[in-house]
Amino acid sequence: MKITLTFLSAAAAATFFLTACNQGRKPNEAAGNGKKLVVHEEIKPFEGRYDTLALKGAAKDSGLAFFSKRYSREQRQVILALNRIDSNNVKRADTLVVPDSVWTDVTVYSPFPSRVKVLDSVKKIICFAYPIQAFGVYEDGYLVRWGPTSMGRKDAQTPTGLYFANWKAEEHESSVDDEWLLKWNVNVINDQGVGWHLYAMPGYPASHSCMRLLEKDARWLYDWVDEWTIKGDHQIEAQGTPTLIFGSYDFKGRKPWLKLLNDPNANRISEETLTKELEPHLSKIMEEQARTEKVTEAEKVDSASSN
């Protein structure tokens, strides 16, 4: 399942087997019985180093051929995620950043803190980090998933701040071009048509303000996210899942993941950093969460009385 155990601690190895055995499970769901997990596990970070893999050599496609032969399908998916690129665009890349030990679970390489204590009372939230083009999903203060994204390009940057999931659709025509079909689309800024969805991941910020995702992440998030609750045509009774978009991307600089070659922690977001981004919004997040709980409880009462 991996190339070498070099540089990986026993704790990291144990964490891998825990997360690998839980792949494909619905968020917060225990194996076999479908019940909610009571305790979240903290994720142990990768402790190895990164190297480069040249894809364009003297012989045509020699790099890609080596890449396909050297690594399993699952390992290739992890490497592509670390480079914020999908399998359809990898042929355009010159080089890839590759960890010296390639686990088949991308969770091991998370740049997000595994625990954020100020989120302990927040049932769920998703955070998009513009500087490193990645998202992190938290439940009750614990990281449960992370993945790559391609956010707004230089002339169409993604708005930052706190938003809430509005509506979602398995397929939706883009507001920019009706020929673009957006799959697993979740809208977060209704009047601007901004949201996250499946779309091409070229290895850099390339979207028209939205947050592009790989298919497996787009589908998972589609099932995980909660929509708003609307009364009538326009009145919002309860907001959907909170969505924090923060930071800025250095469009003139080196791609952030290339910095991992010199510093394996170059993309790491500390708990302190994420807390600073979250603190101005915590009261709003908790206010809307309480509002949602109240609406949900009222709906349960109405449903019970009607039956």
Protein backbone atom coordinates (compact mmCIF):
# COMPACT_ATOMS: atom_id res chain seq x y z
CA MET A 1 0.00 0.00 0.00
CA LYS A 2 3.03 2.24 0.19
CA ILE A 3 6.56 2.46 -1.11
CA THR A 4 8.63 2.69 2.08
CA LEU A 5 8.24 3.14 5.79
CA THR A 6 11.14 5.60 5.99
CA PHE A 7 10.55 8.61 8.24
CA LEU A 8 7.09 7.44 9.34
CA SER A 9 6.58 7.07 13.07
CA ALA A 10 4.59 4.27 14.66
CA ALA A 11 1.93 6.80 15.61
CA ALA A 12 1.56 7.91 12.00
CA ALA A 13 1.38 4.31 10.83
CA ALA A 14 -1.31 3.52 13.41
CA THR A 15 -3.29 6.55 12.32
CA PHE A 16 -3.09 5.46 8.72
CA PHE A 17 -4.60 2.06 9.39
CA LEU A 18 -7.37 3.70 11.43
CA THR A 19 -8.28 6.11 8.65
CA ALA A 20 -7.80 3.60 5.84
CA CYS A 21 -10.24 1.21 7.46
CA ASN A 22 -12.78 4.03 7.61
CA GLN A 23 -12.54 5.07 3.95
CA GLY A 24 -15.86 5.38 2.16
CA ARG A 25 -17.86 5.73 5.36
CA LYS A 26 -20.36 8.50 5.77
CA PRO A 27 -19.21 11.36 8.01
CA ASN A 28 -19.15 10.48 11.71
CA GLU A 29 -20.61 7.03 11.13
CA ALA A 30 -19.34 3.97 12.94
CA ALA A 31 -18.50 0.73 11.15
CA GLY A 32 -21.22 -1.84 10.80
CA ASN A 33 -24.00 -0.26 12.82
CA GLY A 34 -24.51 3.23 11.31
CA LYS A 35 -24.43 4.86 14.76
CA LYS A 36 -22.73 8.16 15.43
CA LEU A 37 -19.16 8.00 16.66
CA VAL A 38 -18.81 9.46 20.13
CA VAL A 39 -15.08 10.19 19.92
CA HIS A 40 -13.15 11.71 17.02
CA GLU A 41 -9.54 10.69 16.46
CA GLU A 42 -6.81 13.28 16.02
CA ILE A 43 -4.84 12.88 12.79
CA LYS A 44 -1.07 12.41 13.10
CA PRO A 45 0.77 14.45 10.44
CA PHE A 46 3.20 13.08 7.86
CA GLU A 47 6.75 13.18 9.15
CA GLY A 48 8.70 12.45 5.98
CA ARG A 49 10.09 14.56 3.18
CA TYR A 50 9.15 15.39 -0.41
CA ASP A 51 10.96 14.95 -3.72
CA THR A 52 10.22 15.88 -7.34
CA LEU A 53 9.20 13.56 -10.13
CA ALA A 54 9.95 14.88 -13.63
CA LEU A 55 7.17 14.02 -16.06
CA LYS A 56 8.65 15.51 -19.24
CA GLY A 57 11.93 13.79 -20.08
CA ALA A 58 13.89 13.07 -23.24
CA ALA A 59 11.54 10.31 -24.35
CA LYS A 60 7.93 11.25 -25.04
CA ASP A 61 5.64 10.42 -22.11
CA SER A 62 8.49 8.60 -20.32
CA GLY A 63 7.77 10.44 -17.07
CA LEU A 64 4.07 9.64 -17.16
CA ALA A 65 4.80 6.01 -18.01
CA PHE A 66 7.11 5.74 -15.00
CA PHE A 67 4.52 7.46 -12.81
CA SER A 68 1.83 4.97 -13.83
CA LYS A 69 4.13 1.97 -13.42
CA ARG A 70 5.80 3.02 -10.17
CA TYR A 71 2.67 3.85 -8.19
CA SER A 72 -0.68 2.15 -7.72
CA ARG A 73 -3.90 3.88 -8.75
CA GLU A 74 -4.61 4.86 -5.14
CA GLN A 75 -1.10 6.24 -4.67
CA ARG A 76 -1.36 8.25 -7.89
CA GLN A 77 -4.60 9.79 -6.67
CA VAL A 78 -2.88 10.92 -3.46
CA ILE A 79 0.08 12.40 -5.36
CA LEU A 80 -2.21 14.25 -7.75
CA ALA A 81 -4.23 15.64 -4.82
CA LEU A 82 -1.04 16.96 -3.23
CA ASN A 83 -0.29 18.75 -6.51
CA ARG A 84 -3.87 20.10 -6.82
CA ILE A 85 -4.23 18.45 -10.21
CA ASP A 86 -6.51 15.78 -11.68
CA SER A 87 -5.71 12.81 -13.92
CA ASN A 88 -6.91 14.60 -17.05
CA ASN A 89 -4.50 17.51 -16.52
CA VAL A 90 -1.43 15.71 -15.20
CA LYS A 91 -0.05 15.27 -18.73
CA ARG A 92 0.39 19.06 -18.86
CA ALA A 93 2.56 19.13 -15.74
CA ASP A 94 6.35 19.33 -15.89
CA THR A 95 6.99 17.93 -12.43
CA LEU A 96 5.13 16.56 -9.45
CA VAL A 97 5.88 16.82 -5.76
CA VAL A 98 5.97 13.31 -4.29
CA PRO A 99 6.32 12.29 -0.62
CA ASP A 100 9.11 9.83 0.11
CA SER A 101 6.50 7.49 1.59
CA VAL A 102 3.26 7.31 -0.38
CA TRP A 103 0.30 6.21 1.71
CA THR A 104 -2.99 5.49 -0.04
CA ASP A 105 -4.89 7.79 2.32
CA VAL A 106 -4.46 11.51 1.65
CA THR A 107 -5.50 12.24 5.24
CA VAL A 108 -1.93 11.55 6.36
CA TYR A 109 -0.72 14.61 4.42
CA SER A 110 -3.28 17.08 5.76
CA PRO A 111 -2.07 20.70 6.02
CA PHE A 112 -4.89 21.51 8.46
CA PRO A 113 -4.67 21.11 12.25
CA SER A 114 -6.34 17.89 13.38
CA ARG A 115 -8.01 19.70 16.30
CA VAL A 116 -9.27 23.28 16.62
CA LYS A 117 -10.57 23.77 20.13
CA VAL A 118 -12.61 26.91 19.38
CA LEU A 119 -14.72 24.70 17.10
CA ASP A 120 -15.56 22.15 19.80
CA SER A 121 -19.14 23.45 19.98
CA VAL A 122 -19.53 23.80 16.21
CA LYS A 123 -21.25 20.74 14.80
CA LYS A 124 -19.82 21.13 11.31
CA ILE A 125 -17.93 23.66 9.22
CA ILE A 126 -15.84 23.68 6.05
CA CYS A 127 -12.82 25.98 5.66
CA PHE A 128 -11.24 26.89 2.31
CA ALA A 129 -7.63 28.10 2.54
CA TYR A 130 -6.87 30.30 -0.48
CA PRO A 131 -3.07 30.45 0.12
CA ILE A 132 -2.60 26.67 -0.23
CA GLN A 133 -5.67 25.82 -2.36
CA ALA A 134 -7.12 23.30 0.08
CA PHE A 135 -10.25 22.69 2.14
CA GLY A 136 -10.67 21.22 5.61
CA VAL A 137 -13.87 19.79 7.08
CA TYR A 138 -14.44 19.91 10.84
CA GLU A 139 -17.00 18.26 13.08
CA ASP A 140 -17.06 19.13 16.78
CA GLY A 141 -13.60 20.65 16.49
CA TYR A 142 -11.94 17.66 14.80
CA LEU A 143 -10.74 17.45 11.22
CA VAL A 144 -12.65 14.70 9.39
CA ARG A 145 -11.58 15.37 5.80
CA TRP A 146 -9.36 17.58 3.70
CA GLY A 147 -8.67 17.85 -0.01
CA PRO A 148 -7.37 20.01 -2.84
CA THR A 149 -9.26 22.79 -4.58
CA SER A 150 -8.79 25.19 -7.47
CA MET A 151 -10.19 28.57 -6.48
CA GLY A 152 -10.65 31.86 -8.32
CA ARG A 153 -7.98 32.93 -10.78
CA LYS A 154 -6.25 36.32 -10.48
CA ASP A 155 -8.91 38.26 -12.44
CA ALA A 156 -11.88 36.44 -10.83
CA GLN A 157 -10.83 35.81 -7.24
CA THR A 158 -13.05 33.93 -4.82
CA PRO A 159 -14.64 36.26 -2.22
CA THR A 160 -13.34 35.63 1.30
CA GLY A 161 -15.24 35.68 4.58
CA LEU A 162 -17.92 33.65 6.33
CA TYR A 163 -20.76 32.28 4.24
CA PHE A 164 -23.33 29.52 4.63
CA ALA A 165 -24.38 26.75 2.28
CA ASN A 166 -27.54 27.78 0.48
CA TRP A 167 -28.82 25.19 -1.97
CA LYS A 168 -27.30 22.24 -3.77
CA ALA A 169 -27.90 20.40 -7.03
CA GLU A 170 -26.41 17.24 -8.50
CA GLU A 171 -26.15 19.09 -11.81
CA HIS A 172 -26.38 22.82 -12.40
CA GLU A 173 -25.70 25.11 -15.36
CA SER A 174 -23.01 27.67 -14.67
CA SER A 175 -24.12 31.30 -14.32
CA VAL A 176 -20.99 32.27 -16.32
CA ASP A 177 -21.60 29.97 -19.29
CA ASP A 178 -24.72 27.81 -19.66
CA GLU A 179 -22.66 25.22 -21.54
CA TRP A 180 -20.70 24.46 -18.37
CA LEU A 181 -22.41 21.72 -16.39
CA LEU A 182 -21.43 21.81 -12.74
CA LYS A 183 -21.83 18.48 -10.96
CA TRP A 184 -22.33 18.12 -7.19
CA ASN A 185 -22.78 21.87 -6.93
CA VAL A 186 -23.22 23.59 -3.54
CA ASN A 187 -23.99 27.31 -3.67
CA VAL A 188 -22.66 29.57 -0.89
CA ILE A 189 -23.03 33.08 -2.37
CA ASN A 190 -26.40 33.09 -4.07
CA ASP A 191 -26.34 36.50 -5.76
CA GLN A 192 -22.89 35.86 -7.25
CA GLY A 193 -23.36 32.22 -8.16
CA VAL A 194 -20.32 31.17 -6.12
CA GLY A 195 -20.04 27.70 -4.68
CA TRP A 196 -18.06 24.48 -4.80
CA HIS A 197 -18.44 21.70 -7.35
CA LEU A 198 -16.68 19.13 -9.51
CA TYR A 199 -14.61 20.67 -12.30
CA ALA A 200 -11.17 20.48 -13.92
CA MET A 201 -8.22 20.76 -11.53
CA PRO A 202 -5.20 22.06 -13.49
CA GLY A 203 -2.78 22.52 -10.60
CA TYR A 204 -3.34 26.23 -9.91
CA PRO A 205 -6.23 28.66 -9.20
CA ALA A 206 -8.22 28.64 -12.44
CA SER A 207 -11.92 29.09 -11.65
CA HIS A 208 -14.32 31.98 -12.22
CA SER A 209 -14.59 32.51 -8.41
CA CYS A 210 -15.91 29.07 -7.46
CA MET A 211 -14.05 26.33 -5.60
CA ARG A 212 -13.35 23.43 -7.93
CA LEU A 213 -13.05 19.93 -6.47
CA LEU A 214 -12.05 16.42 -7.41
CA GLU A 215 -15.02 14.14 -8.01
CA LYS A 216 -14.63 12.03 -4.86
CA ASP A 217 -14.48 15.17 -2.70
CA ALA A 218 -17.36 16.88 -4.51
CA ARG A 219 -19.62 13.87 -4.03
CA TRP A 220 -18.66 13.41 -0.38
CA LEU A 221 -19.23 17.08 0.45
CA TYR A 222 -22.54 17.06 -1.42
CA ASP A 223 -23.83 14.35 0.92
CA TRP A 224 -22.26 15.92 4.01
CA VAL A 225 -23.41 19.54 3.67
CA ASP A 226 -26.70 20.92 5.02
CA GLU A 227 -28.76 23.34 2.92
CA TRP A 228 -30.62 26.40 4.13
CA THR A 229 -34.27 26.20 5.19
CA ILE A 230 -36.54 28.50 3.20
CA LYS A 231 -40.05 29.61 4.11
CA GLY A 232 -42.11 30.56 1.10
CA ASP A 233 -40.02 31.91 -1.78
CA HIS A 234 -37.50 34.17 -0.07
CA GLN A 235 -37.47 34.00 3.72
CA ILE A 236 -34.47 32.15 5.18
CA GLU A 237 -35.56 30.35 8.33
CA ALA A 238 -32.20 28.66 8.93
CA GLN A 239 -28.78 28.84 7.34
CA GLY A 240 -26.92 25.85 5.95
CA THR A 241 -23.44 24.64 6.88
CA PRO A 242 -21.00 27.46 7.70
CA THR A 243 -18.30 27.98 5.08
CA LEU A 244 -15.16 30.00 5.83
CA ILE A 245 -13.04 31.19 2.92
CA PHE A 246 -9.83 32.86 4.04
CA GLY A 247 -6.44 34.17 2.98
CA SER A 248 -5.00 35.21 -0.38
CA TYR A 249 -2.99 33.46 -3.07
CA ASP A 250 0.42 34.65 -4.25
CA PHE A 251 -0.21 34.61 -8.00
CA LYS A 252 3.33 35.79 -8.73
CA GLY A 253 5.07 33.33 -6.45
CA ARG A 254 5.98 29.68 -6.52
CA LYS A 255 3.19 27.16 -6.19
CA PRO A 256 2.78 26.54 -2.44
CA TRP A 257 3.15 22.75 -2.67
CA LEU A 258 6.55 23.16 -4.37
CA LYS A 259 7.78 24.74 -1.13
CA LEU A 260 7.36 21.32 0.51
CA LEU A 261 10.62 20.30 -1.17
CA ASN A 262 12.60 22.59 1.13
CA ASP A 263 10.26 22.50 4.13
CA PRO A 264 7.82 19.59 4.63
CA ASN A 265 5.76 21.86 6.89
CA ALA A 266 5.60 24.78 4.45
CA ASN A 267 1.87 24.36 3.80
CA ARG A 268 0.93 23.52 7.38
CA ILE A 269 -1.81 25.70 8.91
CA SER A 270 -1.43 25.89 12.68
CA GLU A 271 -4.33 25.76 15.10
CA GLU A 272 -3.41 29.31 16.16
CA THR A 273 -3.59 30.59 12.58
CA LEU A 274 -6.95 28.98 11.87
CA THR A 275 -8.30 30.17 15.21
CA LYS A 276 -7.44 33.76 14.29
CA GLU A 277 -9.37 33.38 11.06
CA LEU A 278 -12.35 31.87 12.85
CA GLU A 279 -12.64 34.07 15.95
CA PRO A 280 -14.30 37.11 14.27
CA HIS A 281 -17.06 34.78 13.01
CA LEU A 282 -17.66 32.45 15.95
CA SER A 283 -20.59 34.37 17.42
CA LYS A 284 -22.36 34.38 14.06
CA ILE A 285 -21.66 30.69 13.53
CA MET A 286 -23.09 29.79 16.95
CA GLU A 287 -26.09 32.11 16.48
CA GLU A 288 -27.00 30.45 13.19
CA GLN A 289 -26.39 26.98 14.59
CA ALA A 290 -28.82 27.66 17.44
CA ARG A 291 -31.34 29.02 14.95
CA THR A 292 -31.01 25.88 12.82
CA GLU A 293 -31.49 23.63 15.83
CA LYS A 294 -34.64 25.51 16.79
CA VAL A 295 -36.11 25.20 13.29
CA THR A 296 -35.19 21.52 13.11
CA GLU A 297 -36.84 20.82 16.45
CA ALA A 298 -39.99 22.68 15.38
CA GLU A 299 -40.13 20.62 12.18
CA LYS A 300 -39.90 17.42 14.22
CA VAL A 301 -42.77 18.52 16.45
CA ASP A 302 -44.92 19.43 13.43
CA SER A 303 -44.12 16.12 11.77
CA ALA A 304 -45.00 14.16 14.93
CA SER A 305 -48.33 15.98 15.36
CA SER A 306 -49.28 15.46 11.73
CA ASN A 307 -48.73 11.70 12.13
